[in-house]
Structures are given as C-alpha cells and as structure tokens.
Amino acid sequence: MNARMVSLVAAVFSIFNTVQFLIIELNQSMHIGYEEKYSLYLSTSSEFVTKLMVYKKTLNTSLTLTTVFMGCLLLYCTLRSQFLGPLIYTLWIVAYELINFSLILLIQGLVKEQFRQLGYLHMVFQVSRMCLHFCCLPFIVKHGYFLFKEPKMVGKLGRHRHSSASTVDLWTPVGLGMIYRKLQ
C-alpha cells in the first residue's frame, strides 16, 4: 500500500470511527437511577470543571463534527491530489486527540470509586484510537509532502507510465527504403 492509499483508508477510518465514538459519548449517562438520581462523578469546587461537565456533550459533538469534516476534507483532497488537505488533517488530528485525551484524564479523576472500571475502559478506547490515528499520520504527511513537492507528477498523465513494450507502438512506421538510406 502506498501513502495515497493509506491516506484514503485513514480518511474513511477517521469518519466512521469518530461517528462511532460520538454515539458512545452521547449515550453515556452521568447519573444512575430513575427516581433517585445517583451521580457517577464526584462533586467539585472548580468552576471550570463544573462547566466542562455540563457542556461535555456539546463539546464532544462539536469536536466530532469538526473531525468528520476534516476526514471528508482529507478524502476529497486525496482524491483531487491537493496537498492542503493532508496538512490540515494532520494538524487537526493531533489537536483533537490531545484535547480528548486531556478531557478523559480530567474526567477520570472525577469518577467515583465504584465506577473506576468504566473510566479505565474509556481510557483504553481513547488510547487505541490515538494509536490508530497516529500510526497513519506519517503516511499522510508523506503523501502531502509528495503532493507539495511534485504536483505535476500526481495527475493522471504523471501516474500513467509507458512500458518499453507499449512505446514500440508509438514509433512511426518506417519503410525498408528509409532504413537502407539511414544505414549508408
């Protein structure tokens, strides 16, 4: 698989995986119980953490939608052979994964002791997603660098290489009289 193919696969993976994690995030509950609600998280005195917990779903939704858009941008730019898409995607994925990882670390510290195992499971999901995203980034950067350095070689004519057998067909027909005159 070449860098272009890895970029295409990474774009599709990014779109589908991000939608999958959005579904998991939106269905995650913060309280247990029907009549008496029991919170999964410890109470905190920090105003920042409180606002973060209140707007967690909105923040995750906006990050996810931006990531899906960036995955679509990478897919489009890879298919159209434009170098700006892999660059923007690479920068966004690094920022996205770092933001998500810091949010998970912050929220995991607030989970009550009875529910710590859920926090560890969420951390395993996050680290596996980070590994999958970061393993593709060198290939995406390589493809973007190739598009930047040699944009003319990426077009349909640049990718089409003639073999020595097919170039014989391109020779103009030469009669025996012409060969005889050239040899003398």
N, C-alpha and C. Protein backbone atom coordinates (compact mmCIF):
# COMPACT_ATOMS: atom_id res chain seq x y z
N MET A 1 0.84 -1.18 0.00
CA MET A 1 0.00 0.00 0.00
C MET A 1 0.89 1.24 0.00
N ASN A 2 0.56 2.16 -0.87
CA ASN A 2 1.34 3.39 -0.93
C ASN A 2 0.72 4.44 -0.01
N ALA A 3 1.38 5.59 0.09
CA ALA A 3 0.94 6.64 1.02
C ALA A 3 -0.44 7.19 0.64
N ARG A 4 -0.74 7.22 -0.64
CA ARG A 4 -2.04 7.72 -1.08
C ARG A 4 -3.16 6.80 -0.61
N MET A 5 -2.94 5.50 -0.73
CA MET A 5 -3.95 4.54 -0.30
C MET A 5 -4.14 4.58 1.21
N VAL A 6 -3.06 4.73 1.96
CA VAL A 6 -3.16 4.83 3.41
C VAL A 6 -3.92 6.11 3.79
N SER A 7 -3.71 7.19 3.04
CA SER A 7 -4.45 8.43 3.30
C SER A 7 -5.94 8.24 3.07
N LEU A 8 -6.29 7.53 2.02
CA LEU A 8 -7.71 7.26 1.76
C LEU A 8 -8.32 6.40 2.86
N VAL A 9 -7.60 5.35 3.25
CA VAL A 9 -8.10 4.46 4.31
C VAL A 9 -8.20 5.22 5.63
N ALA A 10 -7.22 6.07 5.92
CA ALA A 10 -7.25 6.85 7.16
C ALA A 10 -8.42 7.82 7.18
N ALA A 11 -8.75 8.40 6.04
CA ALA A 11 -9.89 9.32 5.97
C ALA A 11 -11.20 8.59 6.26
N VAL A 12 -11.38 7.44 5.63
CA VAL A 12 -12.61 6.67 5.86
C VAL A 12 -12.66 6.17 7.30
N PHE A 13 -11.52 5.69 7.80
CA PHE A 13 -11.46 5.25 9.20
C PHE A 13 -11.80 6.38 10.15
N SER A 14 -11.26 7.56 9.89
CA SER A 14 -11.49 8.70 10.76
C SER A 14 -12.97 9.07 10.80
N ILE A 15 -13.60 9.04 9.67
CA ILE A 15 -15.02 9.39 9.61
C ILE A 15 -15.85 8.38 10.39
N PHE A 16 -15.68 7.10 10.09
CA PHE A 16 -16.50 6.07 10.74
C PHE A 16 -16.19 5.93 12.23
N ASN A 17 -14.93 5.96 12.59
CA ASN A 17 -14.55 5.80 13.98
C ASN A 17 -15.02 6.98 14.83
N THR A 18 -14.96 8.17 14.27
CA THR A 18 -15.40 9.35 15.01
C THR A 18 -16.91 9.33 15.23
N VAL A 19 -17.65 8.89 14.23
CA VAL A 19 -19.10 8.76 14.40
C VAL A 19 -19.42 7.70 15.46
N GLN A 20 -18.67 6.60 15.45
CA GLN A 20 -18.86 5.55 16.45
C GLN A 20 -18.62 6.10 17.86
N PHE A 21 -17.55 6.84 18.06
CA PHE A 21 -17.27 7.39 19.37
C PHE A 21 -18.27 8.47 19.75
N LEU A 22 -18.81 9.18 18.79
CA LEU A 22 -19.87 10.16 19.11
C LEU A 22 -21.10 9.45 19.65
N ILE A 23 -21.47 8.34 19.04
CA ILE A 23 -22.63 7.58 19.52
C ILE A 23 -22.39 7.09 20.94
N ILE A 24 -21.18 6.60 21.21
CA ILE A 24 -20.86 6.13 22.55
C ILE A 24 -20.90 7.29 23.55
N GLU A 25 -20.34 8.44 23.17
CA GLU A 25 -20.30 9.59 24.07
C GLU A 25 -21.69 10.13 24.37
N LEU A 26 -22.55 10.19 23.36
CA LEU A 26 -23.88 10.76 23.57
C LEU A 26 -24.76 9.83 24.40
N ASN A 27 -24.49 8.54 24.37
CA ASN A 27 -25.28 7.60 25.16
C ASN A 27 -24.71 7.36 26.55
N GLN A 28 -23.60 8.00 26.87
CA GLN A 28 -23.00 7.85 28.18
C GLN A 28 -23.80 8.67 29.19
N SER A 29 -24.20 8.02 30.26
CA SER A 29 -25.00 8.73 31.26
C SER A 29 -24.11 9.25 32.38
N MET A 30 -24.59 10.29 33.01
CA MET A 30 -23.85 10.89 34.13
C MET A 30 -24.50 10.53 35.46
N HIS A 31 -25.74 10.03 35.39
CA HIS A 31 -26.45 9.66 36.61
C HIS A 31 -27.05 8.27 36.43
N ILE A 32 -27.24 7.59 37.54
CA ILE A 32 -27.90 6.28 37.53
C ILE A 32 -29.13 6.40 38.41
N GLY A 33 -30.20 5.76 37.98
CA GLY A 33 -31.43 5.74 38.77
C GLY A 33 -32.54 6.47 38.06
N TYR A 34 -33.76 6.11 38.45
CA TYR A 34 -34.91 6.73 37.81
C TYR A 34 -35.49 7.82 38.71
N GLU A 35 -35.90 7.45 39.91
CA GLU A 35 -36.48 8.44 40.82
C GLU A 35 -35.39 9.14 41.62
N GLU A 36 -34.49 8.36 42.19
CA GLU A 36 -33.37 8.94 42.92
C GLU A 36 -32.15 8.87 42.01
N LYS A 37 -31.71 10.01 41.58
CA LYS A 37 -30.55 10.04 40.69
C LYS A 37 -29.27 10.00 41.52
N TYR A 38 -28.41 9.04 41.15
CA TYR A 38 -27.13 8.86 41.81
C TYR A 38 -26.04 9.23 40.81
N SER A 39 -25.23 10.22 41.13
CA SER A 39 -24.22 10.71 40.21
C SER A 39 -23.02 9.76 40.15
N LEU A 40 -22.47 9.58 38.95
CA LEU A 40 -21.27 8.77 38.75
C LEU A 40 -20.01 9.54 39.11
N TYR A 41 -20.13 10.86 39.20
CA TYR A 41 -18.95 11.71 39.37
C TYR A 41 -18.95 12.37 40.75
N LEU A 42 -17.76 12.67 41.23
CA LEU A 42 -17.61 13.39 42.48
C LEU A 42 -17.97 14.86 42.27
N SER A 43 -18.42 15.50 43.32
CA SER A 43 -18.68 16.94 43.22
C SER A 43 -17.34 17.68 43.31
N THR A 44 -17.27 18.80 42.64
CA THR A 44 -16.03 19.56 42.60
C THR A 44 -16.31 21.03 42.90
N SER A 45 -15.32 21.70 43.39
CA SER A 45 -15.47 23.13 43.68
C SER A 45 -14.95 23.99 42.54
N SER A 46 -14.31 23.39 41.57
CA SER A 46 -13.76 24.14 40.44
C SER A 46 -14.88 24.52 39.47
N GLU A 47 -14.93 25.79 39.16
CA GLU A 47 -15.97 26.27 38.23
C GLU A 47 -15.70 25.77 36.81
N PHE A 48 -14.43 25.71 36.44
CA PHE A 48 -14.06 25.23 35.09
C PHE A 48 -14.49 23.78 34.88
N VAL A 49 -14.21 22.94 35.86
CA VAL A 49 -14.56 21.52 35.74
C VAL A 49 -16.07 21.34 35.74
N THR A 50 -16.76 22.12 36.52
CA THR A 50 -18.22 22.05 36.55
C THR A 50 -18.81 22.42 35.20
N LYS A 51 -18.32 23.50 34.61
CA LYS A 51 -18.81 23.89 33.28
C LYS A 51 -18.43 22.85 32.23
N LEU A 52 -17.26 22.27 32.39
CA LEU A 52 -16.83 21.23 31.45
C LEU A 52 -17.76 20.03 31.52
N MET A 53 -18.17 19.64 32.70
CA MET A 53 -19.08 18.51 32.85
C MET A 53 -20.47 18.84 32.30
N VAL A 54 -20.90 20.08 32.47
CA VAL A 54 -22.22 20.48 31.97
C VAL A 54 -22.23 20.51 30.44
N TYR A 55 -21.17 21.04 29.84
CA TYR A 55 -21.12 21.18 28.38
C TYR A 55 -20.31 20.07 27.70
N LYS A 56 -20.15 18.94 28.38
CA LYS A 56 -19.35 17.85 27.85
C LYS A 56 -19.91 17.31 26.53
N LYS A 57 -21.20 17.10 26.48
CA LYS A 57 -21.82 16.56 25.25
C LYS A 57 -21.73 17.56 24.10
N THR A 58 -21.92 18.83 24.39
CA THR A 58 -21.80 19.85 23.34
C THR A 58 -20.38 19.94 22.83
N LEU A 59 -19.43 19.89 23.73
CA LEU A 59 -18.02 19.93 23.35
C LEU A 59 -17.64 18.71 22.52
N ASN A 60 -18.06 17.52 22.96
CA ASN A 60 -17.76 16.30 22.20
C ASN A 60 -18.42 16.31 20.82
N THR A 61 -19.64 16.82 20.76
CA THR A 61 -20.33 16.88 19.47
C THR A 61 -19.62 17.83 18.51
N SER A 62 -19.22 18.99 18.99
CA SER A 62 -18.54 19.94 18.10
C SER A 62 -17.17 19.41 17.66
N LEU A 63 -16.43 18.78 18.58
CA LEU A 63 -15.15 18.18 18.20
C LEU A 63 -15.34 17.06 17.18
N THR A 64 -16.37 16.26 17.40
CA THR A 64 -16.63 15.14 16.49
C THR A 64 -17.04 15.62 15.11
N LEU A 65 -17.92 16.59 15.06
CA LEU A 65 -18.36 17.09 13.75
C LEU A 65 -17.20 17.73 12.99
N THR A 66 -16.34 18.43 13.71
CA THR A 66 -15.16 19.01 13.07
C THR A 66 -14.23 17.91 12.55
N THR A 67 -14.08 16.84 13.32
CA THR A 67 -13.22 15.73 12.89
C THR A 67 -13.81 15.01 11.68
N VAL A 68 -15.11 14.83 11.66
CA VAL A 68 -15.74 14.22 10.48
C VAL A 68 -15.54 15.11 9.26
N PHE A 69 -15.68 16.41 9.45
CA PHE A 69 -15.42 17.34 8.34
C PHE A 69 -13.97 17.25 7.86
N MET A 70 -13.04 17.16 8.80
CA MET A 70 -11.62 17.05 8.42
C MET A 70 -11.33 15.72 7.71
N GLY A 71 -12.00 14.66 8.13
CA GLY A 71 -11.85 13.38 7.43
C GLY A 71 -12.38 13.46 6.01
N CYS A 72 -13.52 14.15 5.84
CA CYS A 72 -14.06 14.36 4.48
C CYS A 72 -13.13 15.23 3.66
N LEU A 73 -12.55 16.23 4.29
CA LEU A 73 -11.59 17.09 3.59
C LEU A 73 -10.36 16.30 3.15
N LEU A 74 -9.87 15.43 4.01
CA LEU A 74 -8.72 14.59 3.63
C LEU A 74 -9.09 13.67 2.48
N LEU A 75 -10.26 13.08 2.54
CA LEU A 75 -10.72 12.20 1.46
C LEU A 75 -10.83 12.96 0.14
N TYR A 76 -11.44 14.13 0.18
CA TYR A 76 -11.60 14.95 -1.03
C TYR A 76 -10.24 15.38 -1.59
N CYS A 77 -9.38 15.90 -0.71
CA CYS A 77 -8.08 16.40 -1.17
C CYS A 77 -7.17 15.28 -1.65
N THR A 78 -7.30 14.10 -1.08
CA THR A 78 -6.51 12.96 -1.56
C THR A 78 -6.98 12.54 -2.94
N LEU A 79 -8.28 12.52 -3.12
CA LEU A 79 -8.80 12.14 -4.44
C LEU A 79 -8.51 13.20 -5.50
N ARG A 80 -8.48 14.47 -5.11
CA ARG A 80 -8.23 15.57 -6.04
C ARG A 80 -6.75 15.95 -6.13
N SER A 81 -5.91 15.27 -5.37
CA SER A 81 -4.46 15.49 -5.36
C SER A 81 -4.10 16.93 -4.96
N GLN A 82 -4.65 17.37 -3.84
CA GLN A 82 -4.33 18.69 -3.30
C GLN A 82 -3.59 18.50 -1.98
N PHE A 83 -2.50 19.23 -1.80
CA PHE A 83 -1.63 19.00 -0.66
C PHE A 83 -2.14 19.63 0.64
N LEU A 84 -3.06 20.55 0.57
CA LEU A 84 -3.50 21.25 1.77
C LEU A 84 -4.34 20.37 2.70
N GLY A 85 -5.08 19.44 2.15
CA GLY A 85 -5.92 18.54 2.95
C GLY A 85 -5.14 17.69 3.94
N PRO A 86 -4.08 16.98 3.50
CA PRO A 86 -3.31 16.20 4.47
C PRO A 86 -2.66 17.05 5.55
N LEU A 87 -2.24 18.25 5.21
CA LEU A 87 -1.63 19.13 6.20
C LEU A 87 -2.64 19.54 7.27
N ILE A 88 -3.80 20.00 6.85
CA ILE A 88 -4.84 20.43 7.79
C ILE A 88 -5.31 19.25 8.63
N TYR A 89 -5.51 18.10 7.99
CA TYR A 89 -5.96 16.91 8.71
C TYR A 89 -4.95 16.50 9.79
N THR A 90 -3.67 16.51 9.45
CA THR A 90 -2.64 16.12 10.40
C THR A 90 -2.64 17.04 11.62
N LEU A 91 -2.69 18.33 11.38
CA LEU A 91 -2.70 19.28 12.50
C LEU A 91 -3.95 19.11 13.36
N TRP A 92 -5.10 18.90 12.71
CA TRP A 92 -6.34 18.76 13.46
C TRP A 92 -6.36 17.47 14.28
N ILE A 93 -5.91 16.36 13.71
CA ILE A 93 -5.97 15.09 14.42
C ILE A 93 -5.08 15.13 15.66
N VAL A 94 -3.92 15.75 15.56
CA VAL A 94 -3.05 15.87 16.72
C VAL A 94 -3.74 16.71 17.81
N ALA A 95 -4.32 17.83 17.41
CA ALA A 95 -5.02 18.69 18.38
C ALA A 95 -6.25 17.96 18.96
N TYR A 96 -7.01 17.30 18.12
CA TYR A 96 -8.23 16.59 18.54
C TYR A 96 -7.91 15.49 19.55
N GLU A 97 -6.91 14.69 19.25
CA GLU A 97 -6.57 13.59 20.15
C GLU A 97 -6.00 14.11 21.47
N LEU A 98 -5.22 15.17 21.43
CA LEU A 98 -4.69 15.74 22.68
C LEU A 98 -5.80 16.35 23.53
N ILE A 99 -6.75 17.02 22.90
CA ILE A 99 -7.89 17.59 23.64
C ILE A 99 -8.72 16.47 24.26
N ASN A 100 -9.02 15.44 23.47
CA ASN A 100 -9.81 14.33 24.01
C ASN A 100 -9.09 13.60 25.14
N PHE A 101 -7.79 13.39 24.96
CA PHE A 101 -7.03 12.68 25.99
C PHE A 101 -7.00 13.49 27.29
N SER A 102 -6.83 14.80 27.19
CA SER A 102 -6.82 15.62 28.40
C SER A 102 -8.19 15.66 29.07
N LEU A 103 -9.26 15.67 28.26
CA LEU A 103 -10.60 15.63 28.84
C LEU A 103 -10.85 14.32 29.56
N ILE A 104 -10.41 13.23 28.98
CA ILE A 104 -10.63 11.93 29.61
C ILE A 104 -9.82 11.81 30.90
N LEU A 105 -8.59 12.32 30.89
CA LEU A 105 -7.80 12.30 32.13
C LEU A 105 -8.46 13.14 33.22
N LEU A 106 -9.00 14.29 32.83
CA LEU A 106 -9.65 15.17 33.80
C LEU A 106 -10.92 14.52 34.35
N ILE A 107 -11.70 13.95 33.45
CA ILE A 107 -12.98 13.36 33.88
C ILE A 107 -12.74 12.06 34.66
N GLN A 108 -11.70 11.31 34.31
CA GLN A 108 -11.42 10.07 35.03
C GLN A 108 -11.06 10.35 36.48
N GLY A 109 -10.48 11.48 36.74
CA GLY A 109 -10.19 11.85 38.12
C GLY A 109 -11.42 12.19 38.93
N LEU A 110 -12.53 12.45 38.26
CA LEU A 110 -13.77 12.81 38.94
C LEU A 110 -14.72 11.64 39.14
N VAL A 111 -14.42 10.47 38.55
CA VAL A 111 -15.31 9.32 38.65
C VAL A 111 -15.23 8.74 40.06
N LYS A 112 -16.40 8.40 40.61
CA LYS A 112 -16.43 7.81 41.95
C LYS A 112 -15.77 6.43 41.92
N GLU A 113 -15.33 6.00 43.08
CA GLU A 113 -14.55 4.76 43.20
C GLU A 113 -15.29 3.53 42.68
N GLN A 114 -16.60 3.48 42.86
CA GLN A 114 -17.38 2.33 42.42
C GLN A 114 -17.38 2.17 40.90
N PHE A 115 -17.15 3.27 40.18
CA PHE A 115 -17.25 3.26 38.72
C PHE A 115 -15.91 3.47 38.03
N ARG A 116 -14.82 3.28 38.73
CA ARG A 116 -13.48 3.49 38.15
C ARG A 116 -13.22 2.59 36.94
N GLN A 117 -13.76 1.38 36.95
CA GLN A 117 -13.53 0.44 35.85
C GLN A 117 -14.06 1.00 34.53
N LEU A 118 -15.15 1.73 34.57
CA LEU A 118 -15.67 2.36 33.35
C LEU A 118 -14.72 3.42 32.82
N GLY A 119 -14.09 4.14 33.74
CA GLY A 119 -13.10 5.13 33.33
C GLY A 119 -11.89 4.50 32.67
N TYR A 120 -11.47 3.34 33.20
CA TYR A 120 -10.34 2.63 32.60
C TYR A 120 -10.69 2.11 31.21
N LEU A 121 -11.91 1.63 31.06
CA LEU A 121 -12.36 1.16 29.74
C LEU A 121 -12.38 2.31 28.74
N HIS A 122 -12.86 3.44 29.19
CA HIS A 122 -12.88 4.62 28.32
C HIS A 122 -11.47 5.05 27.94
N MET A 123 -10.55 4.93 28.87
CA MET A 123 -9.15 5.27 28.60
C MET A 123 -8.53 4.30 27.59
N VAL A 124 -8.85 3.03 27.68
CA VAL A 124 -8.35 2.04 26.72
C VAL A 124 -8.88 2.35 25.32
N PHE A 125 -10.15 2.70 25.22
CA PHE A 125 -10.71 3.08 23.92
C PHE A 125 -10.00 4.30 23.35
N GLN A 126 -9.74 5.29 24.19
CA GLN A 126 -9.08 6.51 23.73
C GLN A 126 -7.66 6.24 23.27
N VAL A 127 -6.91 5.46 24.04
CA VAL A 127 -5.52 5.17 23.66
C VAL A 127 -5.47 4.35 22.38
N SER A 128 -6.38 3.40 22.21
CA SER A 128 -6.39 2.61 20.97
C SER A 128 -6.73 3.48 19.77
N ARG A 129 -7.66 4.40 19.94
CA ARG A 129 -8.00 5.31 18.84
C ARG A 129 -6.82 6.23 18.51
N MET A 130 -6.14 6.71 19.55
CA MET A 130 -4.97 7.55 19.32
C MET A 130 -3.89 6.79 18.57
N CYS A 131 -3.66 5.56 18.96
CA CYS A 131 -2.64 4.75 18.26
C CYS A 131 -3.00 4.56 16.80
N LEU A 132 -4.24 4.26 16.52
CA LEU A 132 -4.66 4.06 15.13
C LEU A 132 -4.54 5.34 14.32
N HIS A 133 -4.92 6.46 14.91
CA HIS A 133 -4.79 7.73 14.20
C HIS A 133 -3.32 8.09 13.98
N PHE A 134 -2.51 7.96 15.02
CA PHE A 134 -1.12 8.38 14.92
C PHE A 134 -0.27 7.45 14.07
N CYS A 135 -0.68 6.19 13.92
CA CYS A 135 0.06 5.28 13.03
C CYS A 135 -0.10 5.66 11.57
N CYS A 136 -1.21 6.27 11.23
CA CYS A 136 -1.45 6.67 9.83
C CYS A 136 -0.84 8.02 9.50
N LEU A 137 -0.56 8.84 10.50
CA LEU A 137 -0.09 10.20 10.24
C LEU A 137 1.22 10.29 9.45
N PRO A 138 2.22 9.43 9.68
CA PRO A 138 3.43 9.54 8.85
C PRO A 138 3.16 9.33 7.36
N PHE A 139 2.26 8.43 7.03
CA PHE A 139 1.93 8.18 5.63
C PHE A 139 1.16 9.36 5.03
N ILE A 140 0.30 9.96 5.84
CA ILE A 140 -0.46 11.12 5.36
C ILE A 140 0.49 12.30 5.14
N VAL A 141 1.43 12.49 6.05
CA VAL A 141 2.42 13.57 5.88
C VAL A 141 3.28 13.30 4.66
N LYS A 142 3.67 12.06 4.45
CA LYS A 142 4.48 11.70 3.29
C LYS A 142 3.72 11.98 2.00
N HIS A 143 2.44 11.62 1.98
CA HIS A 143 1.63 11.86 0.79
C HIS A 143 1.45 13.37 0.56
N GLY A 144 1.19 14.12 1.62
CA GLY A 144 1.07 15.57 1.48
C GLY A 144 2.35 16.22 1.01
N TYR A 145 3.49 15.73 1.50
CA TYR A 145 4.78 16.26 1.07
C TYR A 145 5.02 15.95 -0.40
N PHE A 146 4.65 14.75 -0.83
CA PHE A 146 4.79 14.39 -2.24
C PHE A 146 3.90 15.27 -3.12
N LEU A 147 2.69 15.53 -2.66
CA LEU A 147 1.79 16.41 -3.43
C LEU A 147 2.34 17.83 -3.49
N PHE A 148 2.97 18.28 -2.42
CA PHE A 148 3.53 19.63 -2.39
C PHE A 148 4.76 19.75 -3.28
N LYS A 149 5.64 18.75 -3.24
CA LYS A 149 6.89 18.82 -3.99
C LYS A 149 6.70 18.61 -5.48
N GLU A 150 5.90 17.66 -5.87
CA GLU A 150 5.75 17.32 -7.28
C GLU A 150 4.28 17.25 -7.66
N PRO A 151 3.60 18.39 -7.76
CA PRO A 151 2.17 18.34 -8.06
C PRO A 151 1.87 17.88 -9.48
N LYS A 152 2.82 18.05 -10.40
CA LYS A 152 2.57 17.65 -11.78
C LYS A 152 2.64 16.14 -11.96
N MET A 153 3.39 15.48 -11.10
CA MET A 153 3.55 14.03 -11.22
C MET A 153 2.34 13.27 -10.70
N VAL A 154 1.44 13.95 -10.02
CA VAL A 154 0.34 13.26 -9.39
C VAL A 154 -0.87 13.16 -10.30
N GLY A 155 -0.93 13.97 -11.34
CA GLY A 155 -2.07 13.94 -12.24
C GLY A 155 -2.17 12.61 -12.97
N LYS A 156 -3.22 12.45 -13.76
CA LYS A 156 -3.44 11.19 -14.46
C LYS A 156 -2.30 10.90 -15.44
N LEU A 157 -1.78 11.90 -16.10
CA LEU A 157 -0.70 11.66 -17.04
C LEU A 157 0.59 11.33 -16.31
N GLY A 158 0.81 11.91 -15.16
CA GLY A 158 2.02 11.63 -14.39
C GLY A 158 2.02 10.23 -13.82
N ARG A 159 0.84 9.72 -13.48
CA ARG A 159 0.77 8.38 -12.92
C ARG A 159 0.84 7.32 -13.99
N HIS A 160 0.51 7.66 -15.25
CA HIS A 160 0.50 6.70 -16.33
C HIS A 160 1.90 6.56 -16.89
N ARG A 161 2.48 5.42 -16.68
CA ARG A 161 3.83 5.17 -17.16
C ARG A 161 3.76 4.21 -18.33
N HIS A 162 4.53 4.51 -19.37
CA HIS A 162 4.59 3.63 -20.53
C HIS A 162 5.66 2.58 -20.30
N SER A 163 5.33 1.35 -20.61
CA SER A 163 6.36 0.32 -20.55
C SER A 163 7.10 0.30 -21.88
N SER A 164 8.21 -0.41 -21.92
CA SER A 164 9.00 -0.43 -23.14
C SER A 164 8.25 -1.12 -24.27
N ALA A 165 7.38 -2.06 -23.93
CA ALA A 165 6.62 -2.75 -24.98
C ALA A 165 5.57 -1.83 -25.58
N SER A 166 4.97 -0.98 -24.76
CA SER A 166 3.93 -0.11 -25.29
C SER A 166 4.52 1.08 -26.05
N THR A 167 5.77 1.46 -25.78
CA THR A 167 6.35 2.58 -26.51
C THR A 167 6.73 2.18 -27.93
N VAL A 168 6.87 0.88 -28.18
CA VAL A 168 7.16 0.43 -29.54
C VAL A 168 5.99 0.77 -30.44
N ASP A 169 4.78 0.71 -29.91
CA ASP A 169 3.60 1.03 -30.71
C ASP A 169 3.56 2.50 -31.09
N LEU A 170 4.25 3.37 -30.37
CA LEU A 170 4.23 4.80 -30.66
C LEU A 170 5.20 5.20 -31.77
N TRP A 171 6.10 4.31 -32.20
CA TRP A 171 7.04 4.64 -33.25
C TRP A 171 6.31 4.81 -34.57
N THR A 172 6.78 5.71 -35.36
CA THR A 172 6.17 5.91 -36.68
C THR A 172 6.61 4.79 -37.61
N PRO A 173 5.74 4.36 -38.48
CA PRO A 173 6.12 3.27 -39.39
C PRO A 173 7.23 3.73 -40.33
N VAL A 174 8.22 2.90 -40.48
CA VAL A 174 9.38 3.21 -41.33
C VAL A 174 9.49 2.10 -42.37
N GLY A 175 9.59 2.49 -43.60
CA GLY A 175 9.72 1.50 -44.68
C GLY A 175 11.15 1.01 -44.80
N LEU A 176 11.34 -0.07 -45.57
CA LEU A 176 12.67 -0.64 -45.75
C LEU A 176 13.59 0.30 -46.50
N GLY A 177 13.04 1.09 -47.38
CA GLY A 177 13.86 2.04 -48.13
C GLY A 177 14.46 3.10 -47.22
N MET A 178 13.72 3.53 -46.23
CA MET A 178 14.21 4.53 -45.30
C MET A 178 15.33 3.95 -44.43
N ILE A 179 15.19 2.71 -44.00
CA ILE A 179 16.23 2.07 -43.19
C ILE A 179 17.51 1.90 -44.02
N TYR A 180 17.35 1.51 -45.30
CA TYR A 180 18.51 1.29 -46.16
C TYR A 180 19.29 2.60 -46.34
N ARG A 181 18.57 3.74 -46.53
CA ARG A 181 19.24 5.03 -46.69
C ARG A 181 19.94 5.48 -45.43
N LYS A 182 19.38 5.17 -44.23
CA LYS A 182 19.99 5.59 -42.98
C LYS A 182 21.26 4.79 -42.67
N LEU A 183 21.29 3.54 -43.11
CA LEU A 183 22.45 2.72 -42.83
C LEU A 183 23.67 3.10 -43.69
N GLN A 184 23.46 3.71 -44.83
CA GLN A 184 24.58 4.08 -45.70
C GLN A 184 25.14 5.40 -45.43
